[in-house]
Amino acid sequence: MVEGRDLDWREMFEKVRAFSRRLDQAELAIAFHAGHGVQVAGRNYLLPVDARLDRATDLELEGIDVQTILRAMESERRANLVFLDARRDNPSRVRSHARSGRGRVPSDGGSRPSRPAPER
C-alpha cells in the first residue's frame, strides 16, 4: 500500500511513482485522492498542498495529471478502481487570471477522463 497525506508536489510525485512501480505485481489496484483538483481544457489535475497557480499555465507544472495515473494502471489482467474525491472549488488565483484574458477558466468540476488507447 502507498499512502500519503497533505503532500507537497515532490511527495505527491514520489507517491505516484511508488504506486506505479507496485502495479506489476497487483491483482487489484485502487487509487484514491481526497483533496483539491481542477479540470482545464478537458484534463483533470490533482493539486498538492504547495501548488502555486499564479497563471493558468502553471497548472501543468504544479499539478499531477490524472491521465498519468490512469496510464500506469492500464492492465488487462488486473481490476482497477479510481476514486477522486476532489474539491470542486479552485483554491488558486487561476480563475481571476483566466477571466482577465490570460487563460481558460477551469470548470466547477472534473471532466470524465478519457480512456487511453490500448497498446498494440
PDB file of N, CA and C in Angstrom:
ATOM      1  N   MET A   1       0.840  -1.167   0.000  1.00  0.00           N
ATOM      2  CA  MET A   1       0.000   0.000   0.000  1.00  0.00           C
ATOM      3  C   MET A   1       0.894   1.242   0.000  1.00  0.00           C
ATOM      4  N   VAL A   2       0.487   2.231  -0.778  1.00  0.00           N
ATOM      5  CA  VAL A   2       1.193   3.504  -0.835  1.00  0.00           C
ATOM      6  C   VAL A   2       0.223   4.566  -0.315  1.00  0.00           C
ATOM      7  N   GLU A   3       0.600   5.243   0.751  1.00  0.00           N
ATOM      8  CA  GLU A   3      -0.278   6.235   1.364  1.00  0.00           C
ATOM      9  C   GLU A   3       0.438   7.566   1.521  1.00  0.00           C
ATOM     10  N   GLY A   4      -0.344   8.615   1.580  1.00  0.00           N
ATOM     11  CA  GLY A   4       0.199   9.933   1.842  1.00  0.00           C
ATOM     12  C   GLY A   4      -0.907  10.868   2.284  1.00  0.00           C
ATOM     13  N   ARG A   5      -0.521  11.901   2.999  1.00  0.00           N
ATOM     14  CA  ARG A   5      -1.488  12.896   3.478  1.00  0.00           C
ATOM     15  C   ARG A   5      -0.826  14.263   3.452  1.00  0.00           C
ATOM     16  N   ASP A   6      -1.569  15.257   2.978  1.00  0.00           N
ATOM     17  CA  ASP A   6      -1.081  16.632   2.920  1.00  0.00           C
ATOM     18  C   ASP A   6       0.285  16.711   2.241  1.00  0.00           C
ATOM     19  N   LEU A   7       0.350  16.194   1.031  1.00  0.00           N
ATOM     20  CA  LEU A   7       1.619  16.080   0.314  1.00  0.00           C
ATOM     21  C   LEU A   7       1.949  17.331  -0.487  1.00  0.00           C
ATOM     22  N   ASP A   8       3.234  17.698  -0.481  1.00  0.00           N
ATOM     23  CA  ASP A   8       3.684  18.741  -1.391  1.00  0.00           C
ATOM     24  C   ASP A   8       3.946  18.083  -2.748  1.00  0.00           C
ATOM     25  N   TRP A   9       4.356  18.887  -3.746  1.00  0.00           N
ATOM     26  CA  TRP A   9       4.493  18.345  -5.096  1.00  0.00           C
ATOM     27  C   TRP A   9       5.472  17.178  -5.157  1.00  0.00           C
ATOM     28  N   ARG A  10       6.640  17.338  -4.565  1.00  0.00           N
ATOM     29  CA  ARG A  10       7.664  16.290  -4.609  1.00  0.00           C
ATOM     30  C   ARG A  10       7.147  15.010  -3.958  1.00  0.00           C
ATOM     31  N   GLU A  11       6.502  15.133  -2.806  1.00  0.00           N
ATOM     32  CA  GLU A  11       5.965  13.951  -2.116  1.00  0.00           C
ATOM     33  C   GLU A  11       4.866  13.280  -2.947  1.00  0.00           C
ATOM     34  N   MET A  12       3.991  14.079  -3.559  1.00  0.00           N
ATOM     35  CA  MET A  12       2.924  13.513  -4.386  1.00  0.00           C
ATOM     36  C   MET A  12       3.506  12.791  -5.594  1.00  0.00           C
ATOM     37  N   PHE A  13       4.487  13.410  -6.231  1.00  0.00           N
ATOM     38  CA  PHE A  13       5.168  12.792  -7.365  1.00  0.00           C
ATOM     39  C   PHE A  13       5.773  11.446  -6.964  1.00  0.00           C
ATOM     40  N   GLU A  14       6.455  11.415  -5.828  1.00  0.00           N
ATOM     41  CA  GLU A  14       7.083  10.172  -5.357  1.00  0.00           C
ATOM     42  C   GLU A  14       6.046   9.103  -5.018  1.00  0.00           C
ATOM     43  N   LYS A  15       4.900   9.490  -4.466  1.00  0.00           N
ATOM     44  CA  LYS A  15       3.836   8.523  -4.160  1.00  0.00           C
ATOM     45  C   LYS A  15       3.253   7.947  -5.446  1.00  0.00           C
ATOM     46  N   VAL A  16       3.045   8.777  -6.452  1.00  0.00           N
ATOM     47  CA  VAL A  16       2.544   8.284  -7.734  1.00  0.00           C
ATOM     48  C   VAL A  16       3.559   7.328  -8.358  1.00  0.00           C
ATOM     49  N   ARG A  17       4.822   7.674  -8.263  1.00  0.00           N
ATOM     50  CA  ARG A  17       5.878   6.797  -8.792  1.00  0.00           C
ATOM     51  C   ARG A  17       5.905   5.456  -8.050  1.00  0.00           C
ATOM     52  N   ALA A  18       5.852   5.490  -6.730  1.00  0.00           N
ATOM     53  CA  ALA A  18       5.863   4.251  -5.934  1.00  0.00           C
ATOM     54  C   ALA A  18       4.632   3.401  -6.239  1.00  0.00           C
ATOM     55  N   PHE A  19       3.486   4.031  -6.360  1.00  0.00           N
ATOM     56  CA  PHE A  19       2.250   3.330  -6.697  1.00  0.00           C
ATOM     57  C   PHE A  19       2.393   2.647  -8.059  1.00  0.00           C
ATOM     58  N   SER A  20       2.906   3.367  -9.038  1.00  0.00           N
ATOM     59  CA  SER A  20       3.080   2.828 -10.395  1.00  0.00           C
ATOM     60  C   SER A  20       3.993   1.612 -10.403  1.00  0.00           C
ATOM     61  N   ARG A  21       5.051   1.666  -9.628  1.00  0.00           N
ATOM     62  CA  ARG A  21       6.013   0.558  -9.596  1.00  0.00           C
ATOM     63  C   ARG A  21       5.446  -0.695  -8.949  1.00  0.00           C
ATOM     64  N   ARG A  22       4.482  -0.545  -8.061  1.00  0.00           N
ATOM     65  CA  ARG A  22       3.893  -1.705  -7.386  1.00  0.00           C
ATOM     66  C   ARG A  22       2.796  -2.373  -8.203  1.00  0.00           C
ATOM     67  N   LEU A  23       2.362  -1.762  -9.283  1.00  0.00           N
ATOM     68  CA  LEU A  23       1.231  -2.267 -10.045  1.00  0.00           C
ATOM     69  C   LEU A  23       1.504  -3.588 -10.762  1.00  0.00           C
ATOM     70  N   ASP A  24       2.736  -3.847 -11.158  1.00  0.00           N
ATOM     71  CA  ASP A  24       3.039  -5.068 -11.910  1.00  0.00           C
ATOM     72  C   ASP A  24       2.688  -6.334 -11.139  1.00  0.00           C
ATOM     73  N   GLN A  25       2.801  -6.305  -9.836  1.00  0.00           N
ATOM     74  CA  GLN A  25       2.515  -7.479  -9.018  1.00  0.00           C
ATOM     75  C   GLN A  25       1.079  -7.511  -8.500  1.00  0.00           C
ATOM     76  N   ALA A  26       0.292  -6.483  -8.786  1.00  0.00           N
ATOM     77  CA  ALA A  26      -1.044  -6.361  -8.207  1.00  0.00           C
ATOM     78  C   ALA A  26      -2.111  -7.076  -9.035  1.00  0.00           C
ATOM     79  N   GLU A  27      -3.075  -7.687  -8.337  1.00  0.00           N
ATOM     80  CA  GLU A  27      -4.249  -8.241  -8.984  1.00  0.00           C
ATOM     81  C   GLU A  27      -5.408  -7.241  -8.932  1.00  0.00           C
ATOM     82  N   LEU A  28      -5.305  -6.282  -8.014  1.00  0.00           N
ATOM     83  CA  LEU A  28      -6.290  -5.228  -7.848  1.00  0.00           C
ATOM     84  C   LEU A  28      -5.546  -3.935  -7.538  1.00  0.00           C
ATOM     85  N   ALA A  29      -5.902  -2.862  -8.227  1.00  0.00           N
ATOM     86  CA  ALA A  29      -5.284  -1.562  -7.962  1.00  0.00           C
ATOM     87  C   ALA A  29      -6.385  -0.567  -7.621  1.00  0.00           C
ATOM     88  N   ILE A  30      -6.193   0.143  -6.521  1.00  0.00           N
ATOM     89  CA  ILE A  30      -7.146   1.169  -6.106  1.00  0.00           C
ATOM     90  C   ILE A  30      -6.378   2.470  -5.915  1.00  0.00           C
ATOM     91  N   ALA A  31      -6.789   3.494  -6.635  1.00  0.00           N
ATOM     92  CA  ALA A  31      -6.217   4.832  -6.464  1.00  0.00           C
ATOM     93  C   ALA A  31      -7.306   5.706  -5.864  1.00  0.00           C
ATOM     94  N   PHE A  32      -6.982   6.389  -4.776  1.00  0.00           N
ATOM     95  CA  PHE A  32      -7.936   7.261  -4.096  1.00  0.00           C
ATOM     96  C   PHE A  32      -7.268   8.586  -3.815  1.00  0.00           C
ATOM     97  N   HIS A  33      -7.937   9.669  -4.185  1.00  0.00           N
ATOM     98  CA  HIS A  33      -7.424  11.011  -3.901  1.00  0.00           C
ATOM     99  C   HIS A  33      -8.541  11.830  -3.273  1.00  0.00           C
ATOM    100  N   ALA A  34      -8.274  12.385  -2.109  1.00  0.00           N
ATOM    101  CA  ALA A  34      -9.195  13.324  -1.469  1.00  0.00           C
ATOM    102  C   ALA A  34      -8.420  14.617  -1.277  1.00  0.00           C
ATOM    103  N   GLY A  35      -8.855  15.667  -1.906  1.00  0.00           N
ATOM    104  CA  GLY A  35      -8.154  16.938  -1.821  1.00  0.00           C
ATOM    105  C   GLY A  35      -8.609  17.849  -2.939  1.00  0.00           C
ATOM    106  N   HIS A  36      -7.748  18.752  -3.351  1.00  0.00           N
ATOM    107  CA  HIS A  36      -8.108  19.684  -4.409  1.00  0.00           C
ATOM    108  C   HIS A  36      -7.780  19.100  -5.778  1.00  0.00           C
ATOM    109  N   GLY A  37      -8.644  19.415  -6.714  1.00  0.00           N
ATOM    110  CA  GLY A  37      -8.429  19.033  -8.096  1.00  0.00           C
ATOM    111  C   GLY A  37      -9.116  20.046  -8.990  1.00  0.00           C
ATOM    112  N   VAL A  38      -8.601  20.210 -10.189  1.00  0.00           N
ATOM    113  CA  VAL A  38      -9.214  21.116 -11.155  1.00  0.00           C
ATOM    114  C   VAL A  38      -9.222  20.456 -12.517  1.00  0.00           C
ATOM    115  N   GLN A  39     -10.116  20.963 -13.360  1.00  0.00           N
ATOM    116  CA  GLN A  39     -10.206  20.495 -14.727  1.00  0.00           C
ATOM    117  C   GLN A  39     -10.040  21.699 -15.638  1.00  0.00           C
ATOM    118  N   VAL A  40      -9.127  21.592 -16.579  1.00  0.00           N
ATOM    119  CA  VAL A  40      -8.894  22.646 -17.553  1.00  0.00           C
ATOM    120  C   VAL A  40      -8.765  21.997 -18.917  1.00  0.00           C
ATOM    121  N   ALA A  41      -9.527  22.494 -19.856  1.00  0.00           N
ATOM    122  CA  ALA A  41      -9.461  22.018 -21.242  1.00  0.00           C
ATOM    123  C   ALA A  41      -9.595  20.498 -21.328  1.00  0.00           C
ATOM    124  N   GLY A  42     -10.508  19.938 -20.548  1.00  0.00           N
ATOM    125  CA  GLY A  42     -10.774  18.504 -20.605  1.00  0.00           C
ATOM    126  C   GLY A  42      -9.775  17.631 -19.867  1.00  0.00           C
ATOM    127  N   ARG A  43      -8.807  18.220 -19.183  1.00  0.00           N
ATOM    128  CA  ARG A  43      -7.805  17.443 -18.437  1.00  0.00           C
ATOM    129  C   ARG A  43      -8.002  17.693 -16.949  1.00  0.00           C
ATOM    130  N   ASN A  44      -7.853  16.625 -16.164  1.00  0.00           N
ATOM    131  CA  ASN A  44      -8.011  16.704 -14.719  1.00  0.00           C
ATOM    132  C   ASN A  44      -6.652  16.682 -14.044  1.00  0.00           C
ATOM    133  N   TYR A  45      -6.489  17.551 -13.049  1.00  0.00           N
ATOM    134  CA  TYR A  45      -5.233  17.653 -12.312  1.00  0.00           C
ATOM    135  C   TYR A  45      -5.510  17.562 -10.815  1.00  0.00           C
ATOM    136  N   LEU A  46      -4.668  16.817 -10.106  1.00  0.00           N
ATOM    137  CA  LEU A  46      -4.688  16.767  -8.654  1.00  0.00           C
ATOM    138  C   LEU A  46      -3.687  17.791  -8.166  1.00  0.00           C
ATOM    139  N   LEU A  47      -4.048  18.522  -7.111  1.00  0.00           N
ATOM    140  CA  LEU A  47      -3.184  19.604  -6.648  1.00  0.00           C
ATOM    141  C   LEU A  47      -2.552  19.279  -5.303  1.00  0.00           C
ATOM    142  N   PRO A  48      -1.231  19.363  -5.215  1.00  0.00           N
ATOM    143  CA  PRO A  48      -0.551  19.190  -3.927  1.00  0.00           C
ATOM    144  C   PRO A  48      -0.769  20.418  -3.049  1.00  0.00           C
ATOM    145  N   VAL A  49      -0.445  20.301  -1.778  1.00  0.00           N
ATOM    146  CA  VAL A  49      -0.698  21.396  -0.836  1.00  0.00           C
ATOM    147  C   VAL A  49       0.133  22.637  -1.135  1.00  0.00           C
ATOM    148  N   ASP A  50       1.252  22.504  -1.828  1.00  0.00           N
ATOM    149  CA  ASP A  50       2.111  23.653  -2.105  1.00  0.00           C
ATOM    150  C   ASP A  50       1.956  24.210  -3.520  1.00  0.00           C
ATOM    151  N   ALA A  51       0.871  23.824  -4.217  1.00  0.00           N
ATOM    152  CA  ALA A  51       0.676  24.297  -5.592  1.00  0.00           C
ATOM    153  C   ALA A  51       0.554  25.815  -5.615  1.00  0.00           C
ATOM    154  N   ARG A  52       1.322  26.439  -6.500  1.00  0.00           N
ATOM    155  CA  ARG A  52       1.265  27.894  -6.693  1.00  0.00           C
ATOM    156  C   ARG A  52       0.796  28.139  -8.112  1.00  0.00           C
ATOM    157  N   LEU A  53      -0.437  28.504  -8.237  1.00  0.00           N
ATOM    158  CA  LEU A  53      -1.043  28.686  -9.544  1.00  0.00           C
ATOM    159  C   LEU A  53      -1.307  30.166  -9.781  1.00  0.00           C
ATOM    160  N   ASP A  54      -0.254  30.883 -10.065  1.00  0.00           N
ATOM    161  CA  ASP A  54      -0.374  32.314 -10.312  1.00  0.00           C
ATOM    162  C   ASP A  54      -0.874  32.611 -11.721  1.00  0.00           C
ATOM    163  N   ARG A  55      -0.640  31.679 -12.652  1.00  0.00           N
ATOM    164  CA  ARG A  55      -1.103  31.817 -14.029  1.00  0.00           C
ATOM    165  C   ARG A  55      -1.705  30.498 -14.460  1.00  0.00           C
ATOM    166  N   ALA A  56      -2.607  30.535 -15.415  1.00  0.00           N
ATOM    167  CA  ALA A  56      -3.263  29.316 -15.897  1.00  0.00           C
ATOM    168  C   ALA A  56      -2.238  28.292 -16.399  1.00  0.00           C
ATOM    169  N   THR A  57      -1.128  28.755 -16.950  1.00  0.00           N
ATOM    170  CA  THR A  57      -0.125  27.838 -17.483  1.00  0.00           C
ATOM    171  C   THR A  57       0.663  27.113 -16.388  1.00  0.00           C
ATOM    172  N   ASP A  58       0.560  27.579 -15.142  1.00  0.00           N
ATOM    173  CA  ASP A  58       1.271  26.921 -14.032  1.00  0.00           C
ATOM    174  C   ASP A  58       0.695  25.544 -13.704  1.00  0.00           C
ATOM    175  N   LEU A  59      -0.538  25.296 -14.076  1.00  0.00           N
ATOM    176  CA  LEU A  59      -1.205  24.061 -13.692  1.00  0.00           C
ATOM    177  C   LEU A  59      -0.461  22.813 -14.151  1.00  0.00           C
ATOM    178  N   GLU A  60       0.041  22.806 -15.366  1.00  0.00           N
ATOM    179  CA  GLU A  60       0.741  21.628 -15.882  1.00  0.00           C
ATOM    180  C   GLU A  60       2.035  21.346 -15.123  1.00  0.00           C
ATOM    181  N   LEU A  61       2.631  22.365 -14.526  1.00  0.00           N
ATOM    182  CA  LEU A  61       3.866  22.192 -13.766  1.00  0.00           C
ATOM    183  C   LEU A  61       3.607  21.913 -12.290  1.00  0.00           C
ATOM    184  N   GLU A  62       2.534  22.440 -11.749  1.00  0.00           N
ATOM    185  CA  GLU A  62       2.260  22.363 -10.323  1.00  0.00           C
ATOM    186  C   GLU A  62       1.308  21.232  -9.943  1.00  0.00           C
ATOM    187  N   GLY A  63       0.517  20.733 -10.902  1.00  0.00           N
ATOM    188  CA  GLY A  63      -0.450  19.675 -10.626  1.00  0.00           C
ATOM    189  C   GLY A  63       0.033  18.328 -11.129  1.00  0.00           C
ATOM    190  N   ILE A  64      -0.679  17.292 -10.735  1.00  0.00           N
ATOM    191  CA  ILE A  64      -0.413  15.938 -11.221  1.00  0.00           C
ATOM    192  C   ILE A  64      -1.570  15.569 -12.150  1.00  0.00           C
ATOM    193  N   ASP A  65      -1.274  15.314 -13.409  1.00  0.00           N
ATOM    194  CA  ASP A  65      -2.295  14.974 -14.396  1.00  0.00           C
ATOM    195  C   ASP A  65      -2.864  13.588 -14.078  1.00  0.00           C
ATOM    196  N   VAL A  66      -4.172  13.489 -13.951  1.00  0.00           N
ATOM    197  CA  VAL A  66      -4.822  12.217 -13.638  1.00  0.00           C
ATOM    198  C   VAL A  66      -4.519  11.176 -14.711  1.00  0.00           C
ATOM    199  N   GLN A  67      -4.354  11.599 -15.959  1.00  0.00           N
ATOM    200  CA  GLN A  67      -4.044  10.655 -17.043  1.00  0.00           C
ATOM    201  C   GLN A  67      -2.752   9.892 -16.778  1.00  0.00           C
ATOM    202  N   THR A  68      -1.805  10.505 -16.101  1.00  0.00           N
ATOM    203  CA  THR A  68      -0.553   9.834 -15.753  1.00  0.00           C
ATOM    204  C   THR A  68      -0.836   8.605 -14.894  1.00  0.00           C
ATOM    205  N   ILE A  69      -1.716   8.763 -13.930  1.00  0.00           N
ATOM    206  CA  ILE A  69      -2.075   7.658 -13.042  1.00  0.00           C
ATOM    207  C   ILE A  69      -2.870   6.600 -13.802  1.00  0.00           C
ATOM    208  N   LEU A  70      -3.817   7.035 -14.632  1.00  0.00           N
ATOM    209  CA  LEU A  70      -4.632   6.080 -15.390  1.00  0.00           C
ATOM    210  C   LEU A  70      -3.789   5.262 -16.361  1.00  0.00           C
ATOM    211  N   ARG A  71      -2.829   5.898 -17.019  1.00  0.00           N
ATOM    212  CA  ARG A  71      -1.954   5.150 -17.936  1.00  0.00           C
ATOM    213  C   ARG A  71      -1.141   4.099 -17.187  1.00  0.00           C
ATOM    214  N   ALA A  72      -0.659   4.450 -15.997  1.00  0.00           N
ATOM    215  CA  ALA A  72       0.118   3.498 -15.201  1.00  0.00           C
ATOM    216  C   ALA A  72      -0.738   2.311 -14.777  1.00  0.00           C
ATOM    217  N   MET A  73      -2.031   2.527 -14.593  1.00  0.00           N
ATOM    218  CA  MET A  73      -2.919   1.475 -14.103  1.00  0.00           C
ATOM    219  C   MET A  73      -3.421   0.538 -15.188  1.00  0.00           C
ATOM    220  N   GLU A  74      -3.189   0.868 -16.437  1.00  0.00           N
ATOM    221  CA  GLU A  74      -3.704   0.024 -17.518  1.00  0.00           C
ATOM    222  C   GLU A  74      -3.188  -1.400 -17.416  1.00  0.00           C
ATOM    223  N   SER A  75      -4.128  -2.343 -17.473  1.00  0.00           N
ATOM    224  CA  SER A  75      -3.773  -3.753 -17.500  1.00  0.00           C
ATOM    225  C   SER A  75      -5.024  -4.549 -17.828  1.00  0.00           C
ATOM    226  N   GLU A  76      -4.866  -5.554 -18.635  1.00  0.00           N
ATOM    227  CA  GLU A  76      -5.997  -6.408 -18.962  1.00  0.00           C
ATOM    228  C   GLU A  76      -6.190  -7.507 -17.928  1.00  0.00           C
ATOM    229  N   ARG A  77      -5.234  -7.733 -17.068  1.00  0.00           N
ATOM    230  CA  ARG A  77      -5.321  -8.839 -16.119  1.00  0.00           C
ATOM    231  C   ARG A  77      -5.522  -8.369 -14.673  1.00  0.00           C
ATOM    232  N   ARG A  78      -5.837  -7.104 -14.509  1.00  0.00           N
ATOM    233  CA  ARG A  78      -5.999  -6.581 -13.165  1.00  0.00           C
ATOM    234  C   ARG A  78      -7.245  -5.703 -13.125  1.00  0.00           C
ATOM    235  N   ALA A  79      -7.951  -5.746 -12.007  1.00  0.00           N
ATOM    236  CA  ALA A  79      -9.067  -4.823 -11.799  1.00  0.00           C
ATOM    237  C   ALA A  79      -8.502  -3.505 -11.272  1.00  0.00           C
ATOM    238  N   ASN A  80      -8.977  -2.404 -11.803  1.00  0.00           N
ATOM    239  CA  ASN A  80      -8.523  -1.068 -11.406  1.00  0.00           C
ATOM    240  C   ASN A  80      -9.711  -0.236 -10.951  1.00  0.00           C
ATOM    241  N   LEU A  81      -9.578   0.400  -9.813  1.00  0.00           N
ATOM    242  CA  LEU A  81     -10.601   1.304  -9.289  1.00  0.00           C
ATOM    243  C   LEU A  81      -9.949   2.644  -9.004  1.00  0.00           C
ATOM    244  N   VAL A  82     -10.603   3.721  -9.430  1.00  0.00           N
ATOM    245  CA  VAL A  82     -10.087   5.068  -9.193  1.00  0.00           C
ATOM    246  C   VAL A  82     -11.199   5.885  -8.542  1.00  0.00           C
ATOM    247  N   PHE A  83     -10.889   6.484  -7.394  1.00  0.00           N
ATOM    248  CA  PHE A  83     -11.830   7.333  -6.672  1.00  0.00           C
ATOM    249  C   PHE A  83     -11.206   8.722  -6.541  1.00  0.00           C
ATOM    250  N   LEU A  84     -11.874   9.713  -7.095  1.00  0.00           N
ATOM    251  CA  LEU A  84     -11.402  11.088  -6.996  1.00  0.00           C
ATOM    252  C   LEU A  84     -12.425  11.883  -6.187  1.00  0.00           C
ATOM    253  N   ASP A  85     -12.069  12.175  -4.964  1.00  0.00           N
ATOM    254  CA  ASP A  85     -12.919  12.950  -4.071  1.00  0.00           C
ATOM    255  C   ASP A  85     -12.293  14.334  -3.964  1.00  0.00           C
ATOM    256  N   ALA A  86     -12.265  15.022  -5.090  1.00  0.00           N
ATOM    257  CA  ALA A  86     -11.573  16.310  -5.157  1.00  0.00           C
ATOM    258  C   ALA A  86     -12.561  17.445  -4.963  1.00  0.00           C
ATOM    259  N   ARG A  87     -12.129  18.447  -4.220  1.00  0.00           N
ATOM    260  CA  ARG A  87     -12.963  19.643  -4.037  1.00  0.00           C
ATOM    261  C   ARG A  87     -13.201  20.289  -5.386  1.00  0.00           C
ATOM    262  N   ARG A  88     -14.388  20.797  -5.576  1.00  0.00           N
ATOM    263  CA  ARG A  88     -14.761  21.375  -6.857  1.00  0.00           C
ATOM    264  C   ARG A  88     -14.429  22.845  -6.963  1.00  0.00           C
ATOM    265  N   ASP A  89     -14.054  23.495  -5.896  1.00  0.00           N
ATOM    266  CA  ASP A  89     -13.673  24.902  -5.999  1.00  0.00           C
ATOM    267  C   ASP A  89     -12.183  24.990  -6.277  1.00  0.00           C
ATOM    268  N   ASN A  90     -11.782  26.086  -6.846  1.00  0.00           N
ATOM    269  CA  ASN A  90     -10.384  26.268  -7.217  1.00  0.00           C
ATOM    270  C   ASN A  90      -9.699  27.098  -6.131  1.00  0.00           C
ATOM    271  N   PRO A  91      -8.733  26.531  -5.404  1.00  0.00           N
ATOM    272  CA  PRO A  91      -8.095  27.254  -4.316  1.00  0.00           C
ATOM    273  C   PRO A  91      -7.057  28.271  -4.769  1.00  0.00           C
ATOM    274  N   SER A  92      -6.869  28.398  -6.060  1.00  0.00           N
ATOM    275  CA  SER A  92      -5.823  29.285  -6.571  1.00  0.00           C
ATOM    276  C   SER A  92      -6.408  30.558  -7.156  1.00  0.00           C
ATOM    277  N   ARG A  93      -5.534  31.358  -7.706  1.00  0.00           N
ATOM    278  CA  ARG A  93      -5.963  32.580  -8.393  1.00  0.00           C
ATOM    279  C   ARG A  93      -6.069  32.371  -9.894  1.00  0.00           C
ATOM    280  N   VAL A  94      -6.080  31.117 -10.355  1.00  0.00           N
ATOM    281  CA  VAL A  94      -6.155  30.860 -11.792  1.00  0.00           C
ATOM    282  C   VAL A  94      -7.422  31.458 -12.377  1.00  0.00           C
ATOM    283  N   ARG A  95      -8.538  31.337 -11.672  1.00  0.00           N
ATOM    284  CA  ARG A  95      -9.809  31.831 -12.192  1.00  0.00           C
ATOM    285  C   ARG A  95      -9.753  33.334 -12.497  1.00  0.00           C
ATOM    286  N   SER A  96      -9.172  34.114 -11.604  1.00  0.00           N
ATOM    287  CA  SER A  96      -9.115  35.557 -11.849  1.00  0.00           C
ATOM    288  C   SER A  96      -8.213  35.880 -13.036  1.00  0.00           C
ATOM    289  N   HIS A  97      -7.123  35.157 -13.161  1.00  0.00           N
ATOM    290  CA  HIS A  97      -6.244  35.367 -14.320  1.00  0.00           C
ATOM    291  C   HIS A  97      -6.948  34.950 -15.603  1.00  0.00           C
ATOM    292  N   ALA A  98      -7.673  33.848 -15.532  1.00  0.00           N
ATOM    293  CA  ALA A  98      -8.354  33.359 -16.723  1.00  0.00           C
ATOM    294  C   ALA A  98      -9.417  34.354 -17.175  1.00  0.00           C
ATOM    295  N   ARG A  99     -10.158  34.914 -16.240  1.00  0.00           N
ATOM    296  CA  ARG A  99     -11.201  35.880 -16.584  1.00  0.00           C
ATOM    297  C   ARG A  99     -10.613  37.151 -17.172  1.00  0.00           C
ATOM    298  N   SER A 100      -9.387  37.454 -16.838  1.00  0.00           N
ATOM    299  CA  SER A 100      -8.779  38.674 -17.351  1.00  0.00           C
ATOM    300  C   SER A 100      -8.184  38.463 -18.745  1.00  0.00           C
ATOM    301  N   GLY A 101      -8.402  37.267 -19.308  1.00  0.00           N
ATOM    302  CA  GLY A 101      -7.933  37.005 -20.657  1.00  0.00           C
ATOM    303  C   GLY A 101      -6.588  36.332 -20.728  1.00  0.00           C
ATOM    304  N   ARG A 102      -6.035  35.926 -19.582  1.00  0.00           N
ATOM    305  CA  ARG A 102      -4.712  35.302 -19.583  1.00  0.00           C
ATOM    306  C   ARG A 102      -4.776  33.790 -19.540  1.00  0.00           C
ATOM    307  N   GLY A 103      -5.938  33.207 -19.731  1.00  0.00           N
ATOM    308  CA  GLY A 103      -6.064  31.755 -19.707  1.00  0.00           C
ATOM    309  C   GLY A 103      -7.521  31.338 -19.718  1.00  0.00           C
ATOM    310  N   ARG A 104      -7.763  30.047 -19.730  1.00  0.00           N
ATOM    311  CA  ARG A 104      -9.115  29.492 -19.771  1.00  0.00           C
ATOM    312  C   ARG A 104      -9.615  29.257 -18.358  1.00  0.00           C
ATOM    313  N   VAL A 105     -10.882  29.546 -18.123  1.00  0.00           N
ATOM    314  CA  VAL A 105     -11.466  29.366 -16.796  1.00  0.00           C
ATOM    315  C   VAL A 105     -11.654  27.887 -16.512  1.00  0.00           C
ATOM    316  N   PRO A 106     -11.106  27.383 -15.396  1.00  0.00           N
ATOM    317  CA  PRO A 106     -11.362  25.990 -15.028  1.00  0.00           C
ATOM    318  C   PRO A 106     -12.838  25.797 -14.728  1.00  0.00           C
ATOM    319  N   SER A 107     -13.367  24.624 -15.019  1.00  0.00           N
ATOM    320  CA  SER A 107     -14.771  24.355 -14.729  1.00  0.00           C
ATOM    321  C   SER A 107     -14.952  24.109 -13.237  1.00  0.00           C
ATOM    322  N   ASP A 108     -16.212  24.014 -12.822  1.00  0.00           N
ATOM    323  CA  ASP A 108     -16.512  23.761 -11.417  1.00  0.00           C
ATOM    324  C   ASP A 108     -16.473  22.280 -11.076  1.00  0.00           C
ATOM    325  N   GLY A 109     -15.912  21.464 -11.883  1.00  0.00           N
ATOM    326  CA  GLY A 109     -15.791  20.044 -11.592  1.00  0.00           C
ATOM    327  C   GLY A 109     -14.900  19.380 -12.599  1.00  0.00           C
ATOM    328  N   GLY A 110     -14.572  18.141 -12.369  1.00  0.00           N
ATOM    329  CA  GLY A 110     -13.705  17.407 -13.271  1.00  0.00           C
ATOM    330  C   GLY A 110     -14.443  16.928 -14.496  1.00  0.00           C
ATOM    331  N   SER A 111     -13.711  16.679 -15.533  1.00  0.00           N
ATOM    332  CA  SER A 111     -14.289  16.076 -16.719  1.00  0.00           C
ATOM    333  C   SER A 111     -14.067  14.576 -16.626  1.00  0.00           C
ATOM    334  N   ARG A 112     -14.826  13.838 -17.366  1.00  0.00           N
ATOM    335  CA  ARG A 112     -14.648  12.398 -17.383  1.00  0.00           C
ATOM    336  C   ARG A 112     -13.315  12.105 -18.070  1.00  0.00           C
ATOM    337  N   PRO A 113     -12.419  11.384 -17.393  1.00  0.00           N
ATOM    338  CA  PRO A 113     -11.121  11.093 -18.014  1.00  0.00           C
ATOM    339  C   PRO A 113     -11.298  10.230 -19.252  1.00  0.00           C
ATOM    340  N   SER A 114     -10.552  10.531 -20.300  1.00  0.00           N
ATOM    341  CA  SER A 114     -10.600   9.691 -21.470  1.00  0.00           C
ATOM    342  C   SER A 114      -9.791   8.437 -21.214  1.00  0.00           C
ATOM    343  N   ARG A 115     -10.218   7.346 -21.802  1.00  0.00           N
ATOM    344  CA  ARG A 115      -9.506   6.092 -21.634  1.00  0.00           C
ATOM    345  C   ARG A 115      -8.377   6.053 -22.650  1.00  0.00           C
ATOM    346  N   PRO A 116      -7.143   5.873 -22.190  1.00  0.00           N
ATOM    347  CA  PRO A 116      -6.028   5.815 -23.129  1.00  0.00           C
ATOM    348  C   PRO A 116      -6.182   4.637 -24.090  1.00  0.00           C
ATOM    349  N   ALA A 117      -5.703   4.805 -25.292  1.00  0.00           N
ATOM    350  CA  ALA A 117      -5.775   3.739 -26.292  1.00  0.00           C
ATOM    351  C   ALA A 117      -4.919   2.558 -25.845  1.00  0.00           C
ATOM    352  N   PRO A 118      -5.407   1.329 -26.064  1.00  0.00           N
ATOM    353  CA  PRO A 118      -4.600   0.149 -25.680  1.00  0.00           C
ATOM    354  C   PRO A 118      -3.337   0.050 -26.518  1.00  0.00           C
ATOM    355  N   GLU A 119      -2.300  -0.474 -25.921  1.00  0.00           N
ATOM    356  CA  GLU A 119      -1.052  -0.679 -26.675  1.00  0.00           C
ATOM    357  C   GLU A 119      -1.212  -1.836 -27.619  1.00  0.00           C
ATOM    358  N   ARG A 120      -0.533  -1.756 -28.730  1.00  0.00           N
ATOM    359  CA  ARG A 120      -0.610  -2.852 -29.721  1.00  0.00           C
ATOM    360  C   ARG A 120       0.666  -3.609 -29.761  1.00  0.00           C
TER     361      ARG A 120
END
